[in-house]
């Protein structure tokens, strides 16, 4: 039964990625219809992000109340309803209204599902599941583009993704008995019992932050998201305004970063058979550093393109490895609480740091792109290593007390 549930979780991750890039691909066709400036997509994005942060912070309380299966099913249902709401919206305020359940649903399911996989499955599955998310995020814009080129309109693109989410919701509700079994993978892939996820009380934000190493890991996750999303948003701009590449070519070559992430997460699943989560995070950080160096080497466009690919490979193992290491770093009983706040910090980094670089690029120069990434990487490395030191120190203290 554990393999059937795992297959459902894989489908869930693909489905979670489907709507993530829809707004960007559909907005050029949407904003004129609503008679608003093109920049207004940022308002919708901020509403979704704010809802995601709020629901991530509440994920521990919700999971202890409902369980991961119900949280996942209800959250996907909320997302499906919100996407359908997008498809029938005839005004910009209506889009903003539907963005609220969209964000609330996305944050809850992300934190709950990631923590469940971290607790119950091996590291390789975390990497491959996030690879599946990348596939979903790539397929979503393709479906939207197919609807637009076929003359069906952006509305039908959102509606199609909504129907796919409804199908997943039905599957999730039918599979609820599987979640309640609370099975996990042993080293030999046999099934063993796990601690019930509803045990204990929900921790307050103050209690979570006081956990040794928690603050450091949250800021490390913040910096990781800053790197990933700044590259995602500004890679094309760097190639155009600093490297002198045409906008058309830059748009295509910027996709090398996402190719690196998707391929890297697929390969990371196999590498976790040899390396642990900490080693995978450090390896990713080394690749990011090499990618940044490649961006500034005086070897022209090819070095910059290789740099983007290396940045993707570097980012690939960090996100899933940070998530998978959460129960080991902070304890299984606290992992859901820490996971929710970690995800909230990641979303804040996603929301805040790319626009900050936008101000830098506009006010000073886009050539500072590699410097900005290097600073974020340096803080990430420092915070992650500091967390590991605190974890080891806390472990020695507990061992001494038990003697």
Protein backbone atom coordinates (compact mmCIF):
# COMPACT_ATOMS: atom_id res chain seq x y z
CA UNK A 1 0.00 0.00 0.00
CA UNK A 2 2.93 2.29 0.63
CA UNK A 3 3.80 2.24 -3.08
CA UNK A 4 0.21 3.09 -4.08
CA UNK A 5 0.24 6.10 -1.75
CA UNK A 6 3.65 7.12 -3.09
CA UNK A 7 2.27 7.03 -6.65
CA UNK A 8 -0.59 9.31 -5.55
CA UNK A 9 1.91 11.70 -3.96
CA UNK A 10 3.90 11.78 -7.21
CA UNK A 11 0.71 12.71 -9.09
CA UNK A 12 0.01 15.34 -6.45
CA UNK A 13 3.40 16.98 -7.00
CA UNK A 14 2.87 17.10 -10.77
CA UNK A 15 -0.55 18.63 -10.19
CA UNK A 16 0.86 21.16 -7.71
CA UNK A 17 3.24 22.45 -10.37
CA UNK A 18 0.58 22.83 -13.07
CA UNK A 19 -0.85 26.22 -12.00
CA UNK A 20 2.39 27.82 -10.78
CA UNK A 21 3.43 29.42 -14.08
CA UNK A 22 -0.07 30.00 -15.49
CA UNK A 23 -0.35 33.67 -14.56
CA UNK A 24 2.90 34.58 -16.29
CA UNK A 25 1.97 32.73 -19.48
CA UNK A 26 -1.63 34.00 -19.59
CA UNK A 27 -1.21 37.60 -18.40
CA UNK A 28 -0.20 39.10 -21.78
CA UNK A 29 -3.62 37.97 -23.03
CA UNK A 30 -5.48 38.85 -19.83
CA UNK A 31 -4.46 42.37 -18.83
CA UNK A 32 -5.89 44.13 -21.89
CA UNK A 33 -9.21 42.37 -21.41
CA UNK A 34 -9.42 43.76 -17.88
CA UNK A 35 -8.17 47.23 -18.93
CA UNK A 36 -5.37 47.31 -16.35
CA UNK A 37 -1.62 47.99 -16.69
CA UNK A 38 0.61 45.02 -17.39
CA UNK A 39 2.30 45.55 -14.01
CA UNK A 40 -0.91 44.59 -12.17
CA UNK A 41 0.05 40.93 -12.37
CA UNK A 42 2.37 41.74 -9.48
CA UNK A 43 -0.63 42.57 -7.30
CA UNK A 44 -2.18 39.17 -7.92
CA UNK A 45 1.15 37.49 -7.32
CA UNK A 46 1.54 39.32 -3.98
CA UNK A 47 -1.96 38.30 -2.82
CA UNK A 48 -1.22 34.66 -3.66
CA UNK A 49 2.16 34.86 -1.92
CA UNK A 50 0.67 36.48 1.20
CA UNK A 51 -1.96 33.73 1.44
CA UNK A 52 0.75 31.12 1.00
CA UNK A 53 2.82 32.57 3.84
CA UNK A 54 -0.20 32.72 6.18
CA UNK A 55 -1.31 29.14 5.50
CA UNK A 56 2.28 27.84 5.79
CA UNK A 57 2.51 29.33 9.27
CA UNK A 58 -0.72 27.52 10.20
CA UNK A 59 0.25 24.16 8.68
CA UNK A 60 1.31 22.59 11.99
CA UNK A 61 -2.03 23.39 13.62
CA UNK A 62 -4.02 22.25 10.58
CA UNK A 63 -2.09 18.99 10.18
CA UNK A 64 -2.49 18.08 13.85
CA UNK A 65 -6.22 18.79 13.55
CA UNK A 66 -7.00 17.14 10.21
CA UNK A 67 -4.00 15.01 9.24
CA UNK A 68 -1.86 15.33 6.11
CA UNK A 69 -4.30 13.49 3.83
CA UNK A 70 -7.25 15.76 4.57
CA UNK A 71 -5.11 18.92 4.51
CA UNK A 72 -3.77 17.91 1.09
CA UNK A 73 -7.20 17.04 -0.33
CA UNK A 74 -8.89 20.19 1.00
CA UNK A 75 -6.02 22.41 -0.15
CA UNK A 76 -6.04 21.00 -3.68
CA UNK A 77 -9.83 21.46 -3.74
CA UNK A 78 -9.36 25.12 -2.75
CA UNK A 79 -6.83 25.55 -5.54
CA UNK A 80 -9.19 23.90 -8.06
CA UNK A 81 -12.05 26.19 -7.03
CA UNK A 82 -9.77 29.25 -7.21
CA UNK A 83 -8.56 28.31 -10.71
CA UNK A 84 -12.14 27.85 -11.87
CA UNK A 85 -12.90 31.25 -10.33
CA UNK A 86 -10.08 32.75 -12.40
CA UNK A 87 -11.61 31.23 -15.53
CA UNK A 88 -15.00 32.91 -14.96
CA UNK A 89 -13.69 36.26 -13.72
CA UNK A 90 -14.78 39.29 -15.70
CA UNK A 91 -12.95 41.98 -13.68
CA UNK A 92 -9.58 42.55 -12.05
CA UNK A 93 -11.05 42.73 -8.51
CA UNK A 94 -12.58 39.29 -9.09
CA UNK A 95 -9.13 37.91 -9.92
CA UNK A 96 -7.78 39.42 -6.69
CA UNK A 97 -10.64 37.81 -4.75
CA UNK A 98 -9.98 34.34 -6.20
CA UNK A 99 -6.25 34.77 -5.53
CA UNK A 100 -6.99 34.51 -1.78
CA UNK A 101 -8.09 30.83 -1.71
CA UNK A 102 -5.44 30.10 -4.32
CA UNK A 103 -2.66 31.24 -1.96
CA UNK A 104 -4.19 29.74 1.18
CA UNK A 105 -4.54 26.35 -0.48
CA UNK A 106 -1.05 26.37 -1.98
CA UNK A 107 0.76 27.07 1.31
CA UNK A 108 -1.03 24.44 3.37
CA UNK A 109 -0.53 21.61 0.92
CA UNK A 110 3.10 22.50 0.22
CA UNK A 111 4.16 22.44 3.87
CA UNK A 112 2.04 19.43 4.87
CA UNK A 113 2.94 17.25 1.90
CA UNK A 114 6.66 18.06 2.03
CA UNK A 115 6.79 17.23 5.73
CA UNK A 116 4.92 13.94 5.19
CA UNK A 117 7.42 12.86 2.53
CA UNK A 118 10.35 13.97 4.73
CA UNK A 119 9.03 11.84 7.59
CA UNK A 120 7.97 8.74 5.67
CA UNK A 121 10.15 8.37 2.57
CA UNK A 122 13.80 8.33 1.63
CA UNK A 123 15.70 11.34 0.33
CA UNK A 124 15.67 10.16 -3.28
CA UNK A 125 11.89 10.43 -3.40
CA UNK A 126 12.03 14.05 -2.24
CA UNK A 127 14.34 14.91 -5.14
CA UNK A 128 12.25 13.03 -7.69
CA UNK A 129 9.01 14.48 -6.35
CA UNK A 130 10.32 18.00 -6.82
CA UNK A 131 11.44 16.97 -10.28
CA UNK A 132 7.80 15.99 -10.90
CA UNK A 133 6.77 19.44 -9.69
CA UNK A 134 9.08 20.91 -12.33
CA UNK A 135 7.42 18.81 -15.00
CA UNK A 136 4.02 20.07 -13.88
CA UNK A 137 5.25 23.67 -13.88
CA UNK A 138 6.46 23.17 -17.46
CA UNK A 139 3.27 21.48 -18.67
CA UNK A 140 0.97 24.19 -17.25
CA UNK A 141 2.16 26.96 -19.59
CA UNK A 142 2.10 24.48 -22.49
CA UNK A 143 -1.59 23.78 -21.83
CA UNK A 144 -2.27 27.52 -21.60
CA UNK A 145 -0.36 28.15 -24.84
CA UNK A 146 -2.29 25.36 -26.58
CA UNK A 147 -5.59 26.93 -25.54
CA UNK A 148 -4.50 30.40 -26.66
CA UNK A 149 -3.17 29.31 -30.05
CA UNK A 150 -6.27 27.15 -30.55
CA UNK A 151 -8.53 30.16 -30.06
CA UNK A 152 -10.10 28.88 -26.83
CA UNK A 153 -8.82 31.77 -24.73
CA UNK A 154 -7.02 32.02 -21.42
CA UNK A 155 -10.25 31.20 -19.59
CA UNK A 156 -10.24 27.67 -20.96
CA UNK A 157 -6.59 27.27 -20.01
CA UNK A 158 -7.40 27.99 -16.37
CA UNK A 159 -10.52 25.85 -16.56
CA UNK A 160 -8.61 22.87 -17.94
CA UNK A 161 -6.07 23.00 -15.11
CA UNK A 162 -8.96 23.40 -12.67
CA UNK A 163 -10.61 20.20 -13.95
CA UNK A 164 -7.31 18.34 -13.62
CA UNK A 165 -7.09 19.55 -10.02
CA UNK A 166 -10.66 18.39 -9.37
CA UNK A 167 -9.69 14.93 -10.62
CA UNK A 168 -6.74 14.88 -8.22
CA UNK A 169 -9.00 16.07 -5.38
CA UNK A 170 -11.34 13.13 -5.93
CA UNK A 171 -8.38 10.74 -5.96
CA UNK A 172 -7.03 12.28 -2.74
CA UNK A 173 -10.33 11.94 -0.89
CA UNK A 174 -10.67 8.31 -2.05
CA UNK A 175 -7.11 7.62 -0.84
CA UNK A 176 -7.60 9.01 2.69
CA UNK A 177 -7.52 5.51 4.30
CA UNK A 178 -3.98 5.06 2.90
CA UNK A 179 -2.76 8.19 4.65
CA UNK A 180 -4.13 7.04 7.98
CA UNK A 181 -1.99 3.90 7.89
CA UNK A 182 1.04 6.11 8.66
CA UNK A 183 3.51 3.79 6.97
CA UNK A 184 7.12 4.56 6.25
CA UNK A 185 10.05 3.10 4.36
CA UNK A 186 12.61 1.18 6.34
CA UNK A 187 16.18 0.90 5.03
CA UNK A 188 15.21 -2.33 3.28
CA UNK A 189 12.06 -0.71 1.81
CA UNK A 190 9.79 -2.71 4.12
CA UNK A 191 6.93 -1.02 5.96
CA UNK A 192 7.30 0.09 9.57
CA UNK A 193 5.07 2.18 11.78
CA UNK A 194 5.65 5.88 12.21
CA UNK A 195 4.66 8.16 15.05
CA UNK A 196 1.12 9.48 14.62
CA UNK A 197 1.24 12.93 13.05
CA UNK A 198 -1.53 14.28 15.29
CA UNK A 199 0.36 13.67 18.54
CA UNK A 200 1.33 16.66 20.69
CA UNK A 201 0.14 20.23 20.53
CA UNK A 202 0.78 22.83 17.87
CA UNK A 203 3.81 25.01 18.64
CA UNK A 204 3.65 28.79 18.66
CA UNK A 205 5.91 30.83 16.38
CA UNK A 206 7.97 31.94 19.38
CA UNK A 207 8.50 28.30 20.45
CA UNK A 208 9.50 27.29 16.93
CA UNK A 209 12.07 30.07 16.62
CA UNK A 210 13.62 29.06 19.95
CA UNK A 211 14.41 25.54 18.68
CA UNK A 212 18.24 25.34 18.37
CA UNK A 213 19.24 26.02 14.76
CA UNK A 214 15.71 26.79 13.54
CA UNK A 215 16.33 30.51 12.88
CA UNK A 216 19.51 29.73 10.97
CA UNK A 217 17.83 27.18 8.73
CA UNK A 218 14.93 29.55 8.05
CA UNK A 219 17.30 32.27 6.89
CA UNK A 220 19.25 29.73 4.83
CA UNK A 221 15.98 28.76 3.11
CA UNK A 222 15.17 32.45 2.62
CA UNK A 223 18.52 32.96 0.88
CA UNK A 224 18.08 29.86 -1.26
CA UNK A 225 14.75 31.19 -2.53
CA UNK A 226 16.38 34.56 -3.13
CA UNK A 227 18.97 32.89 -5.40
CA UNK A 228 16.50 30.70 -7.27
CA UNK A 229 13.85 33.34 -7.89
CA UNK A 230 16.30 36.15 -8.70
CA UNK A 231 17.89 33.97 -11.38
CA UNK A 232 14.43 33.00 -12.60
CA UNK A 233 13.33 36.63 -12.95
CA UNK A 234 16.57 38.36 -13.99
CA UNK A 235 18.59 35.85 -16.03
CA UNK A 236 17.14 37.14 -19.30
CA UNK A 237 17.68 40.76 -18.27
CA UNK A 238 21.33 40.05 -17.43
CA UNK A 239 21.89 38.39 -20.81
CA UNK A 240 20.25 41.28 -22.67
CA UNK A 241 21.45 44.36 -20.79
CA UNK A 242 24.90 43.17 -19.73
CA UNK A 243 25.87 40.53 -22.29
CA UNK A 244 24.24 42.29 -25.26
CA UNK A 245 22.17 39.28 -26.33
CA UNK A 246 18.93 39.78 -28.25
CA UNK A 247 15.74 39.57 -26.20
CA UNK A 248 14.47 36.63 -28.26
CA UNK A 249 17.62 34.57 -27.75
CA UNK A 250 17.90 35.53 -24.08
CA UNK A 251 14.35 34.34 -23.36
CA UNK A 252 15.19 30.92 -24.76
CA UNK A 253 18.62 30.61 -23.16
CA UNK A 254 17.32 31.64 -19.74
CA UNK A 255 15.42 28.34 -19.81
CA UNK A 256 18.77 26.58 -19.29
CA UNK A 257 18.41 27.41 -15.61
CA UNK A 258 15.14 25.46 -15.36
CA UNK A 259 16.56 22.63 -17.42
CA UNK A 260 19.41 22.45 -14.93
CA UNK A 261 17.01 22.32 -11.97
CA UNK A 262 14.77 19.64 -13.47
CA UNK A 263 17.61 17.44 -14.72
CA UNK A 264 19.58 18.07 -11.54
CA UNK A 265 16.73 16.90 -9.31
CA UNK A 266 16.35 13.75 -11.36
CA UNK A 267 20.06 13.00 -10.97
CA UNK A 268 20.00 14.02 -7.30
CA UNK A 269 17.61 11.19 -6.57
CA UNK A 270 20.34 8.72 -7.52
CA UNK A 271 23.09 10.71 -5.79
CA UNK A 272 21.23 10.51 -2.45
CA UNK A 273 21.99 6.79 -2.46
CA UNK A 274 25.60 7.79 -1.76
CA UNK A 275 25.38 11.24 -0.15
CA UNK A 276 23.32 12.45 2.80
CA UNK A 277 21.21 15.63 2.89
CA UNK A 278 23.96 17.84 4.31
CA UNK A 279 26.42 16.69 1.66
CA UNK A 280 23.84 17.27 -1.08
CA UNK A 281 23.21 20.82 0.18
CA UNK A 282 26.93 21.58 0.25
CA UNK A 283 27.42 20.10 -3.21
CA UNK A 284 24.62 22.28 -4.54
CA UNK A 285 26.21 25.35 -2.97
CA UNK A 286 29.53 24.55 -4.67
CA UNK A 287 27.78 24.29 -8.07
CA UNK A 288 26.04 27.62 -7.48
CA UNK A 289 29.40 29.22 -6.73
CA UNK A 290 30.92 27.77 -9.92
CA UNK A 291 27.89 29.02 -11.87
CA UNK A 292 28.31 32.54 -10.48
CA UNK A 293 32.02 32.51 -11.38
CA UNK A 294 31.12 31.40 -14.92
CA UNK A 295 28.80 34.40 -15.26
CA UNK A 296 31.67 36.85 -14.70
CA UNK A 297 34.38 35.05 -16.67
CA UNK A 298 35.49 37.08 -19.72
CA UNK A 299 34.64 34.31 -22.18
CA UNK A 300 31.47 35.75 -23.67
CA UNK A 301 27.99 34.32 -24.01
CA UNK A 302 28.90 30.64 -23.82
CA UNK A 303 30.41 31.03 -20.34
CA UNK A 304 27.30 32.91 -19.18
CA UNK A 305 25.01 30.20 -20.58
CA UNK A 306 27.09 27.50 -18.92
CA UNK A 307 26.80 29.53 -15.72
CA UNK A 308 22.99 29.48 -15.87
CA UNK A 309 22.98 25.72 -16.40
CA UNK A 310 25.37 25.26 -13.46
CA UNK A 311 23.20 27.51 -11.30
CA UNK A 312 20.27 25.23 -12.09
CA UNK A 313 22.27 22.14 -11.19
CA UNK A 314 23.33 23.83 -7.97
CA UNK A 315 19.82 24.79 -6.95
CA UNK A 316 18.47 21.33 -7.77
CA UNK A 317 19.45 19.40 -4.61
CA UNK A 318 19.22 22.21 -2.05
CA UNK A 319 15.46 22.73 -1.79
CA UNK A 320 14.49 19.04 -1.46
CA UNK A 321 17.47 18.28 0.82
CA UNK A 322 16.64 21.13 3.22
CA UNK A 323 13.08 19.84 3.42
CA UNK A 324 14.05 16.19 3.82
CA UNK A 325 16.59 17.00 6.54
CA UNK A 326 14.03 18.86 8.70
CA UNK A 327 12.92 15.86 10.85
CA UNK A 328 16.54 14.85 11.41
CA UNK A 329 17.63 18.40 12.28
CA UNK A 330 14.77 19.33 14.60
CA UNK A 331 13.01 16.09 15.57
CA UNK A 332 10.04 14.30 14.05
CA UNK A 333 7.70 15.75 16.66
CA UNK A 334 8.63 19.32 15.69
CA UNK A 335 9.20 18.87 11.96
CA UNK A 336 5.75 19.99 10.79
CA UNK A 337 5.94 23.17 12.89
CA UNK A 338 9.44 24.00 11.64
CA UNK A 339 8.50 23.01 8.08
CA UNK A 340 5.64 25.50 7.96
CA UNK A 341 7.78 28.40 9.13
CA UNK A 342 10.64 27.35 6.81
CA UNK A 343 8.26 27.39 3.85
CA UNK A 344 6.93 30.79 4.94
CA UNK A 345 10.50 32.18 5.00
CA UNK A 346 11.09 30.68 1.55
CA UNK A 347 7.96 32.38 0.18
CA UNK A 348 8.99 35.71 1.70
CA UNK A 349 12.39 35.35 0.02
CA UNK A 350 10.62 34.60 -3.25
CA UNK A 351 8.41 37.65 -2.86
CA UNK A 352 10.98 40.15 -1.58
CA UNK A 353 14.43 39.54 -3.00
CA UNK A 354 13.90 39.58 -6.81
CA UNK A 355 12.22 43.03 -6.64
CA UNK A 356 15.09 44.25 -4.41
CA UNK A 357 17.53 43.35 -7.16
CA UNK A 358 15.21 45.09 -9.62
CA UNK A 359 15.77 48.34 -7.71
CA UNK A 360 19.52 47.71 -7.73
CA UNK A 361 19.54 46.98 -11.46
CA UNK A 362 17.49 50.09 -12.18
CA UNK A 363 19.39 52.39 -9.84
CA UNK A 364 22.94 51.11 -10.32
CA UNK A 365 23.54 48.35 -12.89
CA UNK A 366 22.26 44.92 -13.86
CA UNK A 367 25.92 43.85 -13.98
CA UNK A 368 25.68 43.42 -10.18
CA UNK A 369 23.55 40.31 -10.77
CA UNK A 370 26.41 37.86 -9.97
CA UNK A 371 27.43 39.91 -6.91
CA UNK A 372 23.87 39.83 -5.59
CA UNK A 373 23.72 36.05 -6.04
CA UNK A 374 27.12 35.65 -4.36
CA UNK A 375 26.01 37.61 -1.29
CA UNK A 376 22.83 35.53 -0.97
CA UNK A 377 24.89 32.33 -1.37
CA UNK A 378 27.38 33.46 1.28
CA UNK A 379 24.63 34.11 3.83
CA UNK A 380 22.99 30.77 2.94
CA UNK A 381 26.24 28.86 3.51
CA UNK A 382 26.96 30.71 6.77
CA UNK A 383 23.48 30.09 8.18
CA UNK A 384 23.41 26.43 7.17
CA UNK A 385 26.81 25.72 8.72
CA UNK A 386 25.85 27.63 11.87
CA UNK A 387 22.69 25.52 12.14
CA UNK A 388 24.77 22.34 11.89
CA UNK A 389 27.09 23.57 14.67
CA UNK A 390 24.12 24.31 16.93
CA UNK A 391 22.61 20.92 16.15
CA UNK A 392 25.83 19.13 17.08
CA UNK A 393 26.21 21.21 20.23
CA UNK A 394 22.63 20.54 21.29
CA UNK A 395 23.09 16.81 20.59
CA UNK A 396 26.21 16.68 22.78
CA UNK A 397 24.42 18.56 25.56
CA UNK A 398 21.50 16.11 25.55
CA UNK A 399 23.89 13.15 25.50
CA UNK A 400 25.77 14.54 28.51
CA UNK A 401 22.51 15.09 30.41
CA UNK A 402 21.43 11.49 29.79
CA UNK A 403 24.58 10.06 31.33
